Amino acid sequence: MRAHKNVAVAAAPQQPAASDEQLGVAAEVLRHLADPTRLHLLRLLADGEQDVSTLTAQVAASRSSVSQHLGRLRLAGLVHAHRIGRRMLYRLASDHLRALIEEAYQFAGHLAHDIPHHRRTESS
C-alpha cells in the first residue's frame, strides 16, 4: 500500500523488548505445554477446577500418570491445587494461561484442517 504525498502511514505498534529472563520463562511455559497429555489436562482445567479422578476419566493416561503431570504443572506454577476432604482439586493458575491454551488449539485447528489463518489488518 502506497502512502499519498503528505499522508502519514501508521506504523505497526512495537512490542516492548523482552528480557532474557522473560524469554526463558516463556520458553519454559511452552515446554510444559508441549506435552499432549499436559496440554489436554490444562485444556480440561480451563473449564473449571477438577480432581484427579475426573481428569483421568477424560484423558488417555493412567491415574498415576495424570497425578505426575499435575504435579509437574503445579511445580511450574501453571496450576494451583487445594484439598477438600480427601479430594485434591486443581485449577489453572491464570486467565493468561487459559487464553494461551485456547489460542494454541485454535491455531492447531487451522493447521489440521487447512483453514486460512486470520490476519490482522492495519487501519489507515
N, C-alpha and C. Protein backbone atom coordinates (compact mmCIF):
# COMPACT_ATOMS: atom_id res chain seq x y z
N MET A 1 0.84 -1.16 0.00
CA MET A 1 0.00 0.00 0.00
C MET A 1 0.88 1.23 0.00
N ARG A 2 0.64 2.12 -0.91
CA ARG A 2 1.45 3.32 -1.03
C ARG A 2 0.77 4.47 -0.30
N ALA A 3 1.57 5.27 0.36
CA ALA A 3 1.04 6.45 1.03
C ALA A 3 1.04 7.60 0.04
N HIS A 4 -0.01 8.40 0.09
CA HIS A 4 -0.04 9.60 -0.73
C HIS A 4 0.93 10.60 -0.17
N LYS A 5 1.36 11.49 -1.01
CA LYS A 5 2.25 12.55 -0.58
C LYS A 5 1.58 13.32 0.56
N ASN A 6 2.31 13.62 1.60
CA ASN A 6 1.84 14.37 2.77
C ASN A 6 0.85 13.58 3.64
N VAL A 7 0.73 12.27 3.45
CA VAL A 7 -0.14 11.46 4.30
C VAL A 7 0.75 10.50 5.08
N ALA A 8 0.61 10.53 6.38
CA ALA A 8 1.42 9.65 7.23
C ALA A 8 0.80 8.26 7.25
N VAL A 9 1.65 7.26 7.23
CA VAL A 9 1.21 5.88 7.33
C VAL A 9 1.50 5.42 8.74
N ALA A 10 0.48 4.87 9.40
CA ALA A 10 0.65 4.42 10.78
C ALA A 10 1.55 3.18 10.81
N ALA A 11 2.53 3.21 11.68
CA ALA A 11 3.42 2.06 11.84
C ALA A 11 2.77 1.05 12.77
N ALA A 12 3.12 -0.20 12.56
CA ALA A 12 2.62 -1.25 13.45
C ALA A 12 3.14 -0.99 14.85
N PRO A 13 2.31 -1.22 15.86
CA PRO A 13 2.78 -0.99 17.22
C PRO A 13 3.96 -1.90 17.55
N GLN A 14 4.95 -1.37 18.21
CA GLN A 14 6.13 -2.13 18.58
C GLN A 14 5.91 -2.85 19.90
N GLN A 15 6.35 -4.10 19.97
CA GLN A 15 6.31 -4.85 21.22
C GLN A 15 7.45 -4.36 22.09
N PRO A 16 7.23 -4.25 23.39
CA PRO A 16 8.35 -3.88 24.26
C PRO A 16 9.42 -4.96 24.20
N ALA A 17 10.66 -4.56 24.37
CA ALA A 17 11.76 -5.51 24.32
C ALA A 17 11.60 -6.53 25.45
N ALA A 18 11.81 -7.78 25.11
CA ALA A 18 11.70 -8.86 26.10
C ALA A 18 13.05 -9.06 26.77
N SER A 19 13.02 -9.23 28.06
CA SER A 19 14.26 -9.50 28.79
C SER A 19 14.64 -10.97 28.59
N ASP A 20 15.90 -11.28 28.83
CA ASP A 20 16.35 -12.66 28.74
C ASP A 20 15.58 -13.53 29.73
N GLU A 21 15.30 -12.98 30.92
CA GLU A 21 14.56 -13.73 31.93
C GLU A 21 13.14 -14.04 31.44
N GLN A 22 12.49 -13.04 30.86
CA GLN A 22 11.12 -13.22 30.37
C GLN A 22 11.08 -14.24 29.23
N LEU A 23 12.06 -14.18 28.33
CA LEU A 23 12.12 -15.16 27.24
C LEU A 23 12.34 -16.57 27.78
N GLY A 24 13.18 -16.69 28.79
CA GLY A 24 13.43 -18.00 29.39
C GLY A 24 12.19 -18.57 30.05
N VAL A 25 11.47 -17.73 30.78
CA VAL A 25 10.24 -18.19 31.44
C VAL A 25 9.20 -18.57 30.39
N ALA A 26 9.05 -17.76 29.36
CA ALA A 26 8.08 -18.07 28.30
C ALA A 26 8.42 -19.40 27.63
N ALA A 27 9.70 -19.64 27.36
CA ALA A 27 10.12 -20.90 26.75
C ALA A 27 9.81 -22.07 27.68
N GLU A 28 10.00 -21.87 28.98
CA GLU A 28 9.71 -22.93 29.96
C GLU A 28 8.21 -23.25 29.99
N VAL A 29 7.38 -22.22 29.96
CA VAL A 29 5.92 -22.43 29.93
C VAL A 29 5.54 -23.22 28.68
N LEU A 30 6.07 -22.82 27.54
CA LEU A 30 5.75 -23.51 26.29
C LEU A 30 6.28 -24.95 26.31
N ARG A 31 7.40 -25.17 26.97
CA ARG A 31 7.92 -26.54 27.10
C ARG A 31 6.93 -27.42 27.85
N HIS A 32 6.31 -26.88 28.89
CA HIS A 32 5.31 -27.65 29.64
C HIS A 32 4.05 -27.88 28.81
N LEU A 33 3.73 -26.96 27.94
CA LEU A 33 2.55 -27.11 27.09
C LEU A 33 2.80 -28.08 25.94
N ALA A 34 4.07 -28.38 25.66
CA ALA A 34 4.42 -29.20 24.51
C ALA A 34 4.07 -30.68 24.67
N ASP A 35 3.73 -31.10 25.86
CA ASP A 35 3.35 -32.49 26.08
C ASP A 35 1.84 -32.63 25.85
N PRO A 36 1.41 -33.53 24.96
CA PRO A 36 -0.02 -33.66 24.66
C PRO A 36 -0.90 -33.94 25.88
N THR A 37 -0.43 -34.79 26.80
CA THR A 37 -1.24 -35.08 27.98
C THR A 37 -1.38 -33.84 28.86
N ARG A 38 -0.28 -33.14 29.10
CA ARG A 38 -0.35 -31.92 29.92
C ARG A 38 -1.23 -30.87 29.26
N LEU A 39 -1.10 -30.72 27.95
CA LEU A 39 -1.93 -29.74 27.25
C LEU A 39 -3.40 -30.11 27.37
N HIS A 40 -3.71 -31.39 27.24
CA HIS A 40 -5.09 -31.85 27.38
C HIS A 40 -5.61 -31.56 28.80
N LEU A 41 -4.80 -31.86 29.80
CA LEU A 41 -5.20 -31.59 31.18
C LEU A 41 -5.46 -30.09 31.40
N LEU A 42 -4.57 -29.27 30.88
CA LEU A 42 -4.75 -27.82 31.03
C LEU A 42 -6.01 -27.35 30.31
N ARG A 43 -6.28 -27.92 29.15
CA ARG A 43 -7.50 -27.52 28.43
C ARG A 43 -8.74 -27.92 29.22
N LEU A 44 -8.71 -29.09 29.84
CA LEU A 44 -9.83 -29.51 30.68
C LEU A 44 -9.99 -28.59 31.89
N LEU A 45 -8.88 -28.19 32.48
CA LEU A 45 -8.93 -27.30 33.64
C LEU A 45 -9.36 -25.89 33.26
N ALA A 46 -9.27 -25.55 31.99
CA ALA A 46 -9.76 -24.24 31.54
C ALA A 46 -11.27 -24.14 31.74
N ASP A 47 -11.95 -25.28 31.83
CA ASP A 47 -13.40 -25.30 32.06
C ASP A 47 -13.76 -25.19 33.53
N GLY A 48 -12.78 -25.27 34.41
CA GLY A 48 -13.02 -25.17 35.84
C GLY A 48 -12.24 -26.22 36.60
N GLU A 49 -12.19 -26.06 37.92
CA GLU A 49 -11.37 -26.98 38.72
C GLU A 49 -11.96 -28.38 38.71
N GLN A 50 -11.03 -29.34 38.77
CA GLN A 50 -11.42 -30.75 38.72
C GLN A 50 -10.44 -31.56 39.56
N ASP A 51 -10.86 -32.75 39.95
CA ASP A 51 -9.98 -33.63 40.70
C ASP A 51 -9.32 -34.64 39.76
N VAL A 52 -8.37 -35.40 40.31
CA VAL A 52 -7.60 -36.35 39.51
C VAL A 52 -8.49 -37.41 38.87
N SER A 53 -9.45 -37.92 39.60
CA SER A 53 -10.33 -38.97 39.06
C SER A 53 -11.11 -38.46 37.86
N THR A 54 -11.66 -37.27 37.97
CA THR A 54 -12.43 -36.68 36.87
C THR A 54 -11.54 -36.45 35.66
N LEU A 55 -10.34 -35.95 35.89
CA LEU A 55 -9.42 -35.70 34.79
C LEU A 55 -8.97 -37.01 34.15
N THR A 56 -8.67 -38.01 34.96
CA THR A 56 -8.21 -39.30 34.44
C THR A 56 -9.26 -39.93 33.52
N ALA A 57 -10.52 -39.76 33.86
CA ALA A 57 -11.60 -40.33 33.04
C ALA A 57 -11.69 -39.67 31.66
N GLN A 58 -11.04 -38.51 31.50
CA GLN A 58 -11.17 -37.76 30.25
C GLN A 58 -9.91 -37.79 29.38
N VAL A 59 -8.82 -38.34 29.88
CA VAL A 59 -7.58 -38.39 29.11
C VAL A 59 -7.12 -39.83 28.94
N ALA A 60 -6.29 -40.05 27.96
CA ALA A 60 -5.77 -41.40 27.70
C ALA A 60 -4.48 -41.60 28.49
N ALA A 61 -4.62 -41.61 29.82
CA ALA A 61 -3.47 -41.81 30.69
C ALA A 61 -3.96 -42.43 31.99
N SER A 62 -3.05 -43.09 32.68
CA SER A 62 -3.39 -43.69 33.97
C SER A 62 -3.52 -42.62 35.04
N ARG A 63 -4.15 -42.99 36.14
CA ARG A 63 -4.30 -42.05 37.26
C ARG A 63 -2.92 -41.60 37.76
N SER A 64 -1.99 -42.54 37.83
CA SER A 64 -0.63 -42.22 38.28
C SER A 64 0.04 -41.21 37.35
N SER A 65 -0.12 -41.43 36.05
CA SER A 65 0.46 -40.51 35.07
C SER A 65 -0.18 -39.13 35.16
N VAL A 66 -1.50 -39.08 35.30
CA VAL A 66 -2.21 -37.79 35.43
C VAL A 66 -1.71 -37.07 36.67
N SER A 67 -1.57 -37.79 37.78
CA SER A 67 -1.08 -37.18 39.02
C SER A 67 0.33 -36.61 38.84
N GLN A 68 1.18 -37.36 38.16
CA GLN A 68 2.55 -36.88 37.92
C GLN A 68 2.55 -35.63 37.04
N HIS A 69 1.75 -35.63 35.99
CA HIS A 69 1.67 -34.45 35.12
C HIS A 69 1.15 -33.24 35.90
N LEU A 70 0.12 -33.45 36.72
CA LEU A 70 -0.43 -32.35 37.51
C LEU A 70 0.61 -31.83 38.51
N GLY A 71 1.39 -32.73 39.07
CA GLY A 71 2.46 -32.32 39.97
C GLY A 71 3.49 -31.45 39.27
N ARG A 72 3.87 -31.82 38.07
CA ARG A 72 4.82 -31.00 37.29
C ARG A 72 4.22 -29.64 36.96
N LEU A 73 2.96 -29.64 36.58
CA LEU A 73 2.30 -28.37 36.24
C LEU A 73 2.17 -27.48 37.48
N ARG A 74 1.94 -28.09 38.63
CA ARG A 74 1.84 -27.32 39.87
C ARG A 74 3.20 -26.73 40.23
N LEU A 75 4.26 -27.54 40.15
CA LEU A 75 5.60 -27.05 40.45
C LEU A 75 6.02 -25.93 39.50
N ALA A 76 5.53 -25.98 38.27
CA ALA A 76 5.84 -24.95 37.28
C ALA A 76 5.01 -23.69 37.48
N GLY A 77 4.02 -23.76 38.38
CA GLY A 77 3.18 -22.60 38.64
C GLY A 77 2.04 -22.42 37.64
N LEU A 78 1.76 -23.47 36.86
CA LEU A 78 0.70 -23.36 35.86
C LEU A 78 -0.66 -23.76 36.40
N VAL A 79 -0.67 -24.57 37.44
CA VAL A 79 -1.93 -24.93 38.10
C VAL A 79 -1.78 -24.74 39.60
N HIS A 80 -2.90 -24.53 40.25
CA HIS A 80 -2.96 -24.46 41.71
C HIS A 80 -3.82 -25.63 42.18
N ALA A 81 -3.54 -26.09 43.39
CA ALA A 81 -4.28 -27.21 43.95
C ALA A 81 -4.69 -26.87 45.38
N HIS A 82 -5.85 -27.39 45.76
CA HIS A 82 -6.27 -27.30 47.16
C HIS A 82 -7.09 -28.53 47.49
N ARG A 83 -7.07 -28.88 48.75
CA ARG A 83 -7.72 -30.10 49.20
C ARG A 83 -9.09 -29.79 49.81
N ILE A 84 -10.05 -30.61 49.44
CA ILE A 84 -11.37 -30.59 50.08
C ILE A 84 -11.62 -32.03 50.51
N GLY A 85 -11.54 -32.25 51.82
CA GLY A 85 -11.65 -33.62 52.33
C GLY A 85 -10.51 -34.45 51.82
N ARG A 86 -10.83 -35.55 51.16
CA ARG A 86 -9.80 -36.43 50.60
C ARG A 86 -9.47 -36.10 49.17
N ARG A 87 -10.23 -35.19 48.56
CA ARG A 87 -10.03 -34.84 47.14
C ARG A 87 -9.09 -33.65 46.99
N MET A 88 -8.18 -33.76 46.03
CA MET A 88 -7.32 -32.65 45.66
C MET A 88 -7.89 -32.07 44.38
N LEU A 89 -8.24 -30.79 44.43
CA LEU A 89 -8.81 -30.11 43.26
C LEU A 89 -7.75 -29.22 42.62
N TYR A 90 -7.73 -29.26 41.29
CA TYR A 90 -6.76 -28.49 40.51
C TYR A 90 -7.49 -27.46 39.67
N ARG A 91 -6.81 -26.31 39.47
CA ARG A 91 -7.36 -25.25 38.61
C ARG A 91 -6.20 -24.53 37.94
N LEU A 92 -6.51 -23.88 36.82
CA LEU A 92 -5.48 -23.09 36.13
C LEU A 92 -5.03 -21.95 37.02
N ALA A 93 -3.77 -21.58 36.89
CA ALA A 93 -3.20 -20.52 37.71
C ALA A 93 -3.55 -19.13 37.19
N SER A 94 -3.94 -19.03 35.91
CA SER A 94 -4.10 -17.70 35.33
C SER A 94 -5.03 -17.71 34.12
N ASP A 95 -5.75 -16.63 33.96
CA ASP A 95 -6.55 -16.46 32.74
C ASP A 95 -5.65 -16.28 31.52
N HIS A 96 -4.42 -15.79 31.72
CA HIS A 96 -3.48 -15.69 30.60
C HIS A 96 -3.20 -17.08 30.03
N LEU A 97 -3.04 -18.04 30.93
CA LEU A 97 -2.78 -19.41 30.50
C LEU A 97 -3.99 -19.97 29.77
N ARG A 98 -5.18 -19.68 30.25
CA ARG A 98 -6.42 -20.12 29.58
C ARG A 98 -6.44 -19.58 28.14
N ALA A 99 -6.12 -18.31 27.97
CA ALA A 99 -6.11 -17.70 26.63
C ALA A 99 -5.03 -18.32 25.75
N LEU A 100 -3.86 -18.58 26.32
CA LEU A 100 -2.76 -19.18 25.56
C LEU A 100 -3.14 -20.57 25.06
N ILE A 101 -3.76 -21.36 25.92
CA ILE A 101 -4.19 -22.71 25.54
C ILE A 101 -5.24 -22.64 24.44
N GLU A 102 -6.21 -21.75 24.60
CA GLU A 102 -7.27 -21.62 23.58
C GLU A 102 -6.68 -21.19 22.24
N GLU A 103 -5.76 -20.24 22.27
CA GLU A 103 -5.11 -19.79 21.03
C GLU A 103 -4.33 -20.93 20.38
N ALA A 104 -3.64 -21.73 21.20
CA ALA A 104 -2.88 -22.87 20.66
C ALA A 104 -3.82 -23.85 19.97
N TYR A 105 -4.98 -24.13 20.59
CA TYR A 105 -5.95 -25.04 19.98
C TYR A 105 -6.55 -24.45 18.70
N GLN A 106 -6.85 -23.18 18.73
CA GLN A 106 -7.39 -22.54 17.53
C GLN A 106 -6.37 -22.59 16.39
N PHE A 107 -5.11 -22.29 16.69
CA PHE A 107 -4.06 -22.32 15.69
C PHE A 107 -3.89 -23.73 15.14
N ALA A 108 -3.89 -24.73 16.04
CA ALA A 108 -3.76 -26.12 15.62
C ALA A 108 -4.93 -26.54 14.73
N GLY A 109 -6.12 -26.05 15.05
CA GLY A 109 -7.28 -26.36 14.22
C GLY A 109 -7.12 -25.83 12.81
N HIS A 110 -6.56 -24.64 12.69
CA HIS A 110 -6.30 -24.08 11.36
C HIS A 110 -5.30 -24.94 10.59
N LEU A 111 -4.24 -25.37 11.28
CA LEU A 111 -3.24 -26.21 10.61
C LEU A 111 -3.80 -27.58 10.26
N ALA A 112 -4.51 -28.20 11.18
CA ALA A 112 -5.01 -29.56 10.98
C ALA A 112 -6.08 -29.64 9.90
N HIS A 113 -6.86 -28.59 9.76
CA HIS A 113 -7.98 -28.62 8.82
C HIS A 113 -7.78 -27.68 7.63
N ASP A 114 -6.54 -27.23 7.45
CA ASP A 114 -6.18 -26.36 6.33
C ASP A 114 -7.13 -25.16 6.20
N ILE A 115 -7.41 -24.53 7.33
CA ILE A 115 -8.25 -23.34 7.37
C ILE A 115 -7.33 -22.12 7.28
N PRO A 116 -7.65 -21.16 6.44
CA PRO A 116 -6.79 -19.97 6.36
C PRO A 116 -6.68 -19.27 7.72
N HIS A 117 -5.50 -18.78 8.00
CA HIS A 117 -5.25 -18.08 9.26
C HIS A 117 -5.86 -16.68 9.22
N HIS A 118 -6.22 -16.19 10.38
CA HIS A 118 -6.74 -14.83 10.49
C HIS A 118 -5.57 -13.86 10.35
N ARG A 119 -5.81 -12.79 9.72
CA ARG A 119 -4.77 -11.77 9.57
C ARG A 119 -5.29 -10.48 10.20
N ARG A 120 -4.44 -9.85 10.96
CA ARG A 120 -4.80 -8.54 11.49
C ARG A 120 -4.59 -7.52 10.39
N THR A 121 -5.60 -6.71 10.22
CA THR A 121 -5.48 -5.66 9.20
C THR A 121 -5.06 -4.37 9.88
N GLU A 122 -4.14 -3.67 9.23
CA GLU A 122 -3.71 -2.38 9.76
C GLU A 122 -4.70 -1.33 9.32
N SER A 123 -5.13 -0.52 10.27
CA SER A 123 -6.05 0.55 9.92
C SER A 123 -5.27 1.73 9.38
N SER A 124 -5.85 2.41 8.43
CA SER A 124 -5.13 3.55 7.84
C SER A 124 -5.48 4.83 8.54
